[in-house]
Amino acid sequence: MRACTAFRLAMLANGFTPLLNDGKRSIEKGWPKQRVTEADVVAWDRSLLATTGLRIDGDLAVIDVDIVEPALVQALAGALDKSFPELFARGLVRHAGGAKEAWIARVDEPFARLASWRWHRGDDPDSAPKQMVECFGSLATRQFAIDGPRDRNSVYQFTDGASPATTPLSALPILPKAAYSEACNQFDDIARAAGWTAVKERRRGGSDGATLRIFELDAGTAIYTDTLGEMTIAELERLVRGRRNAGALRCSGGFHDETRRRTDSHLINWGRYGLGVHDCMTGETWHRRERAPSARFEFLARLRERTEAA
């Protein structure tokens, strides 16, 4: 039996849901709802893939620290440790190579997603790496690679011997939902104090001439539609691309605000930036991260708008 199989079996016995991953991506069809058994894990031993994922179930929650500068990770950890010391005393810390980490605990009130702004250094938002904090609970369809190869140069791993394979789920601290909101807010404060710039991109349209376009969706982001149930962004892209003129598809806003449960509050469409999820109340439209336009494109678009207005 390979070491990765033993790790998966141990975490399953500890109450966690292991997944078979290829790097950060889970490859099992239907993994969001798969009931993983010991037989499944043993069968994975025949696979060449050695990376293990962790599905976010029940009251499990993760603070995804997508920050590449160690000093800022340390500053955020220090701020949270003052308010919620049990996070680092009894929670789990997964490393992903470099400074990026994931802090794993439980939550008293399951949620979908909470996030800081995306921040960058300097004046060029295209070349500067974007850094942010996202928190995910079980109301979102989400998994995290936690052990094994990340790529050719780095691995996912835990330190100090504490991992889902050695720690029962019941032993993790239960934090208030406010702790996860504070993680996002604290990073906004830290980045702002460091003189960083938040990515806030506005485009034409809307009642005041400017619609906020937010480039924050990932392929695995779960969307609750009015007629088709839960689908990921990647699944919706394939669907909408093939039926652009087949009528409006609506969904809830739970992927960014868990209080927005009505499945007719957002419109799903296809346009210049690919798939768009439009919030009918705020005028915001959400898109894939990878669709964010370049600074040159934005300059030309504004120049065209001024020319048309004249």
Protein backbone atom coordinates (compact mmCIF):
# COMPACT_ATOMS: atom_id res chain seq x y z
CA MET A 1 0.00 0.00 0.00
CA ARG A 2 1.34 3.38 -0.98
CA ALA A 3 1.85 6.16 1.56
CA CYS A 4 -0.84 8.32 -0.08
CA THR A 5 -3.37 5.48 0.31
CA ALA A 6 -2.53 5.07 3.98
CA PHE A 7 -2.94 8.85 4.42
CA ARG A 8 -6.36 8.78 2.74
CA LEU A 9 -7.57 5.81 4.77
CA ALA A 10 -6.46 7.49 8.00
CA MET A 11 -8.22 10.75 7.20
CA LEU A 12 -11.38 8.84 6.23
CA ALA A 13 -11.29 7.07 9.59
CA ASN A 14 -10.88 10.48 11.27
CA GLY A 15 -14.14 11.74 9.77
CA PHE A 16 -12.82 13.65 6.75
CA THR A 17 -13.69 13.01 3.09
CA PRO A 18 -10.57 12.26 0.99
CA LEU A 19 -10.56 12.73 -2.78
CA LEU A 20 -8.31 11.49 -5.57
CA ASN A 21 -6.59 14.52 -7.06
CA ASP A 22 -4.38 15.37 -10.00
CA GLY A 23 -2.57 18.31 -8.41
CA LYS A 24 -5.18 20.78 -7.19
CA ARG A 25 -7.95 19.22 -9.33
CA SER A 26 -10.18 16.38 -8.15
CA ILE A 27 -10.67 13.88 -10.97
CA GLU A 28 -13.46 11.58 -9.75
CA LYS A 29 -16.71 12.20 -11.63
CA GLY A 30 -19.36 13.42 -9.23
CA TRP A 31 -16.87 14.13 -6.43
CA PRO A 32 -19.04 16.90 -4.87
CA LYS A 33 -21.64 14.30 -3.83
CA GLN A 34 -19.63 11.10 -3.87
CA ARG A 35 -19.94 8.95 -0.75
CA VAL A 36 -16.30 7.93 -0.38
CA THR A 37 -15.81 4.51 1.19
CA GLU A 38 -12.79 2.54 2.33
CA ALA A 39 -13.18 0.38 -0.80
CA ASP A 40 -12.95 3.49 -3.00
CA VAL A 41 -9.75 4.60 -1.28
CA VAL A 42 -8.18 1.15 -1.61
CA ALA A 43 -9.08 1.13 -5.32
CA TRP A 44 -7.26 4.46 -5.75
CA ASP A 45 -4.06 2.72 -4.69
CA ARG A 46 -3.79 1.48 -8.30
CA SER A 47 -3.76 5.04 -9.62
CA LEU A 48 -0.49 6.79 -10.40
CA LEU A 49 -1.92 9.99 -8.89
CA ALA A 50 -0.50 10.66 -5.45
CA THR A 51 -2.22 13.92 -4.49
CA THR A 52 -5.05 13.85 -1.97
CA GLY A 53 -7.91 16.31 -1.81
CA LEU A 54 -10.14 17.24 1.12
CA ARG A 55 -13.84 17.91 0.48
CA ILE A 56 -15.40 20.65 2.58
CA ASP A 57 -18.30 18.90 4.33
CA GLY A 58 -20.56 19.56 7.29
CA ASP A 59 -19.15 22.19 9.64
CA LEU A 60 -15.68 22.11 8.08
CA ALA A 61 -14.33 25.46 6.82
CA VAL A 62 -11.08 26.65 5.27
CA ILE A 63 -9.31 30.01 5.16
CA ASP A 64 -7.44 30.01 1.85
CA VAL A 65 -4.48 32.37 2.26
CA ASP A 66 -3.62 33.11 -1.36
CA ILE A 67 -0.78 35.46 -0.45
CA VAL A 68 2.73 35.13 -1.85
CA GLU A 69 4.56 37.42 0.57
CA PRO A 70 5.53 35.71 3.86
CA ALA A 71 5.45 38.95 5.85
CA LEU A 72 1.79 39.49 5.05
CA VAL A 73 0.89 35.88 5.87
CA GLN A 74 2.61 36.29 9.22
CA ALA A 75 0.85 39.61 9.85
CA LEU A 76 -2.54 38.06 9.12
CA ALA A 77 -1.82 35.01 11.26
CA GLY A 78 -0.71 37.25 14.10
CA ALA A 79 -3.87 39.35 13.91
CA LEU A 80 -6.16 36.30 13.90
CA ASP A 81 -4.21 34.60 16.67
CA LYS A 82 -5.03 37.50 18.98
CA SER A 83 -8.78 37.16 18.42
CA PHE A 84 -9.09 33.41 17.78
CA PRO A 85 -6.03 31.64 19.26
CA GLU A 86 -7.69 28.23 19.00
CA LEU A 87 -7.38 28.42 15.20
CA PHE A 88 -3.64 27.81 15.36
CA ALA A 89 -3.64 25.96 18.67
CA ARG A 90 -5.91 23.14 17.43
CA GLY A 91 -6.57 23.85 13.74
CA LEU A 92 -4.61 22.50 10.77
CA VAL A 93 -2.21 24.43 8.55
CA ARG A 94 -1.65 23.16 5.01
CA HIS A 95 1.30 24.51 3.05
CA ALA A 96 1.32 24.72 -0.73
CA GLY A 97 4.87 25.80 -1.51
CA GLY A 98 6.07 29.33 -0.92
CA ALA A 99 4.08 31.46 1.51
CA LYS A 100 0.58 30.30 0.57
CA GLU A 101 -1.31 28.38 3.24
CA ALA A 102 -4.76 27.01 4.05
CA TRP A 103 -6.02 27.17 7.65
CA ILE A 104 -8.53 24.41 8.39
CA ALA A 105 -11.02 24.44 11.26
CA ARG A 106 -14.78 24.18 11.81
CA VAL A 107 -17.50 26.81 11.97
CA ASP A 108 -20.59 27.29 14.10
CA GLU A 109 -22.71 28.36 11.12
CA PRO A 110 -21.96 26.83 7.69
CA PHE A 111 -21.53 29.31 4.85
CA ALA A 112 -20.61 29.31 1.17
CA ARG A 113 -17.86 31.84 0.52
CA LEU A 114 -16.40 34.94 2.11
CA ALA A 115 -13.60 36.91 0.47
CA SER A 116 -11.36 39.92 0.75
CA TRP A 117 -10.67 42.23 -2.14
CA ARG A 118 -7.97 41.16 -4.58
CA TRP A 119 -4.85 43.26 -4.00
CA HIS A 120 -1.62 43.94 -5.87
CA ARG A 121 1.53 46.00 -5.48
CA GLY A 122 2.40 48.88 -7.78
CA ASP A 123 0.47 50.58 -10.55
CA ASP A 124 0.31 47.77 -13.12
CA PRO A 125 -2.57 45.39 -12.29
CA ASP A 126 -1.71 43.12 -15.24
CA SER A 127 1.84 42.15 -14.34
CA ALA A 128 1.55 42.22 -10.54
CA PRO A 129 0.39 39.00 -8.81
CA LYS A 130 -3.05 39.30 -7.22
CA GLN A 131 -3.30 38.33 -3.58
CA MET A 132 -6.38 37.73 -1.47
CA VAL A 133 -8.00 35.69 1.28
CA GLU A 134 -11.02 33.47 0.61
CA CYS A 135 -12.97 31.42 3.12
CA PHE A 136 -15.04 28.42 2.08
CA GLY A 137 -17.66 26.47 4.02
CA SER A 138 -19.78 23.48 3.15
CA LEU A 139 -22.53 25.50 1.44
CA ALA A 140 -20.13 25.89 -1.47
CA THR A 141 -18.95 22.98 -3.62
CA ARG A 142 -15.27 23.06 -2.78
CA GLN A 143 -12.29 20.82 -2.19
CA PHE A 144 -8.66 21.53 -1.40
CA ALA A 145 -5.57 19.57 -2.33
CA ILE A 146 -3.84 18.88 0.97
CA ASP A 147 -1.17 16.21 0.51
CA GLY A 148 1.12 15.14 -2.30
CA PRO A 149 2.55 16.74 -5.45
CA ARG A 150 1.33 20.22 -6.34
CA ASP A 151 3.51 20.44 -9.45
CA ARG A 152 7.05 19.47 -10.39
CA ASN A 153 8.55 21.91 -7.92
CA SER A 154 6.36 21.81 -4.82
CA VAL A 155 4.10 19.63 -2.69
CA TYR A 156 1.06 20.05 -0.49
CA GLN A 157 1.90 19.12 3.09
CA PHE A 158 1.27 19.73 6.78
CA THR A 159 3.84 20.54 9.42
CA ASP A 160 4.35 19.45 13.02
CA GLY A 161 2.62 16.12 12.36
CA ALA A 162 -0.91 17.53 12.60
CA SER A 163 -3.02 16.64 9.55
CA PRO A 164 -6.40 15.07 8.74
CA ALA A 165 -4.60 11.72 8.87
CA THR A 166 -3.51 12.23 12.50
CA THR A 167 -6.27 14.50 13.88
CA PRO A 168 -9.95 13.58 14.25
CA LEU A 169 -12.38 16.04 12.71
CA SER A 170 -14.05 16.34 16.12
CA ALA A 171 -10.79 17.67 17.59
CA LEU A 172 -10.72 20.75 15.35
CA PRO A 173 -11.86 24.01 16.96
CA ILE A 174 -15.30 25.38 16.17
CA LEU A 175 -14.88 29.05 15.30
CA PRO A 176 -17.69 31.59 14.93
CA LYS A 177 -18.52 32.58 11.39
CA ALA A 178 -17.27 36.05 12.35
CA ALA A 179 -13.73 34.64 12.53
CA TYR A 180 -13.79 33.90 8.81
CA SER A 181 -15.18 37.33 7.98
CA GLU A 182 -12.46 38.86 10.13
CA ALA A 183 -9.76 36.97 8.23
CA CYS A 184 -10.91 38.65 5.02
CA ASN A 185 -11.33 42.08 6.62
CA GLN A 186 -7.98 41.88 8.39
CA PHE A 187 -6.19 41.17 5.12
CA ASP A 188 -7.93 44.14 3.48
CA ASP A 189 -6.64 46.33 6.32
CA ILE A 190 -3.12 44.88 6.13
CA ALA A 191 -2.90 45.27 2.35
CA ARG A 192 -4.30 48.80 2.49
CA ALA A 193 -1.83 49.79 5.20
CA ALA A 194 1.00 48.38 3.05
CA GLY A 195 -0.01 50.71 0.23
CA TRP A 196 -1.37 48.03 -2.07
CA THR A 197 -4.08 48.59 -4.66
CA ALA A 198 -7.43 46.80 -4.66
CA VAL A 199 -8.77 45.48 -7.96
CA LYS A 200 -12.08 47.25 -8.51
CA GLU A 201 -12.93 47.23 -12.20
CA ARG A 202 -15.90 49.20 -13.56
CA ARG A 203 -17.36 48.99 -17.06
CA ARG A 204 -20.05 50.70 -19.10
CA GLY A 205 -23.74 50.00 -18.49
CA GLY A 206 -26.07 50.17 -15.51
CA SER A 207 -28.29 52.98 -14.36
CA ASP A 208 -25.36 55.26 -13.51
CA GLY A 209 -23.33 54.39 -16.59
CA ALA A 210 -21.03 52.00 -14.74
CA THR A 211 -21.57 48.31 -14.01
CA LEU A 212 -19.21 46.61 -11.61
CA ARG A 213 -17.67 43.55 -13.21
CA ILE A 214 -16.09 41.17 -10.74
CA PHE A 215 -13.58 38.65 -12.03
CA GLU A 216 -13.63 36.18 -9.14
CA LEU A 217 -15.34 32.98 -10.37
CA ASP A 218 -13.42 29.70 -10.53
CA ALA A 219 -14.21 26.60 -12.58
CA GLY A 220 -15.39 24.76 -9.47
CA THR A 221 -17.56 27.54 -8.03
CA ALA A 222 -21.03 26.10 -7.35
CA ILE A 223 -24.08 27.92 -8.72
CA TYR A 224 -27.66 27.01 -7.75
CA THR A 225 -29.86 27.39 -10.83
CA ASP A 226 -33.63 27.72 -10.92
CA THR A 227 -34.31 24.74 -13.20
CA LEU A 228 -31.14 22.61 -13.32
CA GLY A 229 -30.12 22.47 -9.67
CA GLU A 230 -26.50 22.84 -8.59
CA MET A 231 -23.88 23.23 -11.33
CA THR A 232 -20.27 24.34 -11.37
CA ILE A 233 -19.11 27.31 -13.43
CA ALA A 234 -17.29 24.95 -15.79
CA GLU A 235 -20.48 22.96 -16.35
CA LEU A 236 -22.49 26.13 -16.91
CA GLU A 237 -19.96 27.40 -19.43
CA ARG A 238 -20.36 24.26 -21.53
CA LEU A 239 -24.14 24.48 -21.26
CA VAL A 240 -24.59 28.19 -21.96
CA ARG A 241 -22.09 28.24 -24.81
CA GLY A 242 -24.24 25.69 -26.62
CA ARG A 243 -27.62 27.32 -25.94
CA ARG A 244 -26.97 31.06 -26.08
CA ASN A 245 -30.38 31.79 -27.57
CA ALA A 246 -32.38 29.22 -25.62
CA GLY A 247 -33.84 31.68 -23.12
CA ALA A 248 -32.74 33.09 -19.78
CA LEU A 249 -31.28 30.88 -17.08
CA ARG A 250 -31.56 32.19 -13.54
CA CYS A 251 -29.77 31.32 -10.32
CA SER A 252 -29.31 32.36 -6.70
CA GLY A 253 -26.54 34.58 -5.37
CA GLY A 254 -25.44 32.13 -2.69
CA PHE A 255 -22.02 31.79 -4.30
CA HIS A 256 -21.10 35.30 -3.12
CA ASP A 257 -23.75 36.13 -0.50
CA GLU A 258 -25.37 33.25 1.37
CA THR A 259 -28.42 35.38 2.21
CA ARG A 260 -29.30 35.63 -1.51
CA ARG A 261 -31.07 32.27 -1.73
CA ARG A 262 -33.78 33.07 -4.27
CA THR A 263 -32.96 31.30 -7.51
CA ASP A 264 -34.39 34.14 -9.64
CA SER A 265 -32.14 36.89 -8.28
CA HIS A 266 -29.33 36.46 -10.84
CA LEU A 267 -29.26 36.05 -14.62
CA ILE A 268 -26.76 33.78 -16.38
CA ASN A 269 -25.62 34.99 -19.80
CA TRP A 270 -22.80 34.83 -22.32
CA GLY A 271 -20.97 37.86 -23.64
CA ARG A 272 -17.64 39.54 -24.28
CA TYR A 273 -16.08 38.03 -21.16
CA GLY A 274 -17.64 34.59 -21.60
CA LEU A 275 -20.02 33.42 -18.91
CA GLY A 276 -21.56 36.17 -16.83
CA VAL A 277 -23.69 35.90 -13.67
CA HIS A 278 -25.57 39.18 -13.31
CA ASP A 279 -26.91 40.34 -9.95
CA CYS A 280 -30.23 42.02 -10.77
CA MET A 281 -30.32 43.90 -7.47
CA THR A 282 -26.83 45.46 -7.40
CA GLY A 283 -26.01 45.54 -11.13
CA GLU A 284 -22.80 43.57 -10.56
CA THR A 285 -21.76 40.90 -13.06
CA TRP A 286 -19.46 38.08 -12.05
CA HIS A 287 -16.97 36.46 -14.46
CA ARG A 288 -14.12 33.94 -14.47
CA ARG A 289 -10.84 35.24 -13.05
CA GLU A 290 -9.05 34.38 -16.29
CA ARG A 291 -11.37 36.68 -18.27
CA ALA A 292 -10.17 39.91 -16.64
CA PRO A 293 -9.24 42.30 -19.48
CA SER A 294 -5.79 43.80 -19.85
CA ALA A 295 -5.00 47.44 -19.09
CA ARG A 296 -4.47 48.07 -22.82
CA PHE A 297 -7.89 46.66 -23.64
CA GLU A 298 -9.48 48.87 -21.00
CA PHE A 299 -7.73 51.98 -22.32
CA LEU A 300 -8.96 51.32 -25.86
CA ALA A 301 -12.49 50.62 -24.60
CA ARG A 302 -12.64 53.91 -22.71
CA LEU A 303 -11.23 55.76 -25.70
CA ARG A 304 -13.93 54.24 -27.92
CA GLU A 305 -16.64 55.21 -25.45
CA ARG A 306 -15.47 58.82 -25.37
CA THR A 307 -15.38 58.89 -29.17
CA GLU A 308 -18.91 57.50 -29.42
CA ALA A 309 -20.19 60.01 -26.85
CA ALA A 310 -18.70 62.90 -28.81
